[in-house]
């Protein structure tokens, strides 16, 4: 028997733009159904910690584009190099590539080279809240 999981799509967009505007909405606007086995085996995530949000902006292009739907594993807050995360930083919800340095600083990076990287150091690193790791994205044709 085929097992399916309905994941909530929240009415919030993580900005990939440099300034990181945030849409203040946490309502579920829809559900998207995935095969449970694909979530567990294919993506290696727990369906209970998976949510969907939209991307706003162009700083993560070509990897993520404005309007893309991203699947986030909210059960992970450990930063792995070269992975993309949804983070809350300075009261903005951002989708960015994160790199942790040996000196405990964090580099917030955009894939679009028109945008610069931002180094977060010292006590400011503690203000960086990892919402989850982006594990999948969907795009309209």
Protein backbone atom coordinates (compact mmCIF):
# COMPACT_ATOMS: atom_id res chain seq x y z
CA UNK A 1 0.00 0.00 0.00
CA UNK A 2 1.30 3.43 -0.96
CA UNK A 3 1.87 5.73 2.01
CA UNK A 4 1.55 9.47 1.42
CA UNK A 5 2.38 12.44 3.62
CA UNK A 6 0.73 15.85 3.35
CA UNK A 7 3.21 18.60 4.17
CA UNK A 8 2.12 22.11 5.11
CA UNK A 9 2.95 25.01 2.80
CA UNK A 10 3.22 28.10 4.96
CA UNK A 11 2.29 31.55 3.72
CA UNK A 12 5.74 32.93 4.39
CA UNK A 13 8.57 33.59 1.97
CA UNK A 14 12.24 33.37 2.81
CA UNK A 15 14.01 36.13 1.01
CA UNK A 16 17.07 35.37 -1.02
CA UNK A 17 17.55 39.08 -1.59
CA UNK A 18 20.40 40.91 0.04
CA UNK A 19 18.29 42.82 2.55
CA UNK A 20 16.07 39.88 3.49
CA UNK A 21 12.56 41.25 3.64
CA UNK A 22 10.19 39.04 5.58
CA UNK A 23 6.53 38.36 4.97
CA UNK A 24 4.87 38.22 8.38
CA UNK A 25 2.52 35.27 7.99
CA UNK A 26 2.64 31.86 9.53
CA UNK A 27 -0.63 30.47 8.26
CA UNK A 28 -0.80 27.24 6.34
CA UNK A 29 -2.03 28.18 2.87
CA UNK A 30 -1.97 24.74 1.27
CA UNK A 31 -0.69 21.19 1.55
CA UNK A 32 1.55 19.31 -0.85
CA UNK A 33 1.55 15.52 -0.87
CA UNK A 34 4.74 13.45 -1.15
CA UNK A 35 5.43 9.72 -0.98
CA UNK A 36 6.42 8.98 2.61
CA UNK A 37 9.15 6.55 1.53
CA UNK A 38 10.69 9.19 -0.74
CA UNK A 39 10.86 11.67 2.15
CA UNK A 40 12.43 9.09 4.47
CA UNK A 41 14.70 7.19 2.09
CA UNK A 42 15.21 9.53 -0.85
CA UNK A 43 15.71 12.71 1.16
CA UNK A 44 16.63 11.14 4.49
CA UNK A 45 14.25 13.29 6.52
CA UNK A 46 11.42 12.78 8.96
CA UNK A 47 8.04 13.80 7.51
CA UNK A 48 7.10 15.24 10.92
CA UNK A 49 9.74 17.96 10.63
CA UNK A 50 9.20 18.87 6.98
CA UNK A 51 7.53 22.09 5.85
CA UNK A 52 7.30 24.06 2.63
CA UNK A 53 7.76 27.79 2.05
CA UNK A 54 8.36 29.99 -0.98
CA UNK A 55 11.53 31.80 -2.03
CA UNK A 56 11.51 35.52 -2.68
CA UNK A 57 14.30 37.30 -4.55
CA UNK A 58 17.15 36.43 -6.89
CA UNK A 59 20.32 36.18 -4.80
CA UNK A 60 20.28 32.38 -4.76
CA UNK A 61 19.97 32.06 -8.54
CA UNK A 62 20.60 29.86 -10.42
CA UNK A 63 20.09 27.35 -7.58
CA UNK A 64 16.85 28.87 -6.29
CA UNK A 65 14.66 31.38 -8.11
CA UNK A 66 11.98 33.82 -7.08
CA UNK A 67 8.76 31.87 -6.49
CA UNK A 68 10.40 28.46 -5.99
CA UNK A 69 8.91 26.19 -3.38
CA UNK A 70 11.47 24.78 -0.93
CA UNK A 71 11.13 21.77 1.36
CA UNK A 72 12.80 22.40 4.70
CA UNK A 73 13.92 19.83 7.25
CA UNK A 74 13.24 21.70 10.49
CA UNK A 75 14.68 18.92 12.65
CA UNK A 76 18.25 19.90 11.81
CA UNK A 77 19.98 22.99 13.11
CA UNK A 78 23.55 21.75 12.62
CA UNK A 79 25.32 23.69 9.89
CA UNK A 80 26.99 21.50 7.28
CA UNK A 81 29.30 23.25 4.84
CA UNK A 82 27.94 24.11 1.43
CA UNK A 83 24.32 23.38 2.36
CA UNK A 84 21.43 25.81 1.98
CA UNK A 85 19.44 26.81 5.05
CA UNK A 86 16.49 28.92 6.00
CA UNK A 87 17.67 31.18 8.78
CA UNK A 88 16.27 33.96 10.91
CA UNK A 89 18.89 36.67 11.19
CA UNK A 90 18.39 40.26 12.26
CA UNK A 91 14.58 39.77 12.18
CA UNK A 92 14.63 38.59 8.56
CA UNK A 93 13.84 35.15 7.20
CA UNK A 94 16.54 34.28 4.66
CA UNK A 95 17.40 31.34 2.43
CA UNK A 96 21.18 31.23 2.05
CA UNK A 97 24.19 28.98 1.73
CA UNK A 98 25.95 28.85 5.10
CA UNK A 99 29.57 28.07 5.89
CA UNK A 100 31.00 27.69 9.39
CA UNK A 101 34.63 28.74 9.82
CA UNK A 102 37.22 27.35 12.25
CA UNK A 103 37.20 30.61 14.23
CA UNK A 104 33.46 29.95 14.93
CA UNK A 105 32.36 32.71 12.59
CA UNK A 106 29.71 32.02 9.97
CA UNK A 107 29.65 33.14 6.33
CA UNK A 108 26.21 33.78 4.82
CA UNK A 109 26.56 33.34 1.06
CA UNK A 110 24.48 33.99 -2.04
CA UNK A 111 24.84 31.78 -5.12
CA UNK A 112 24.25 34.82 -7.35
CA UNK A 113 27.68 36.47 -7.47
CA UNK A 114 26.05 39.91 -7.90
CA UNK A 115 25.50 39.75 -4.14
CA UNK A 116 28.27 39.78 -1.59
CA UNK A 117 28.84 37.37 1.27
CA UNK A 118 28.31 38.42 4.87
CA UNK A 119 30.55 37.35 7.73
CA UNK A 120 28.89 36.92 11.11
CA UNK A 121 31.33 36.91 14.02
CA UNK A 122 31.47 36.87 17.79
CA UNK A 123 28.24 37.29 19.74
CA UNK A 124 26.30 37.93 16.52
CA UNK A 125 26.64 34.22 15.63
CA UNK A 126 24.35 33.46 18.58
CA UNK A 127 21.66 35.65 16.99
CA UNK A 128 21.62 33.45 13.91
CA UNK A 129 18.72 31.02 14.22
CA UNK A 130 18.70 28.06 11.84
CA UNK A 131 15.09 27.24 10.95
CA UNK A 132 16.08 24.22 8.88
CA UNK A 133 18.03 22.84 5.94
CA UNK A 134 16.65 23.07 2.41
CA UNK A 135 16.45 19.50 1.05
CA UNK A 136 14.39 19.95 -2.13
CA UNK A 137 12.99 22.67 -4.36
CA UNK A 138 10.18 22.80 -6.86
CA UNK A 139 9.93 25.26 -9.74
CA UNK A 140 7.25 26.16 -12.22
CA UNK A 141 8.14 25.50 -15.83
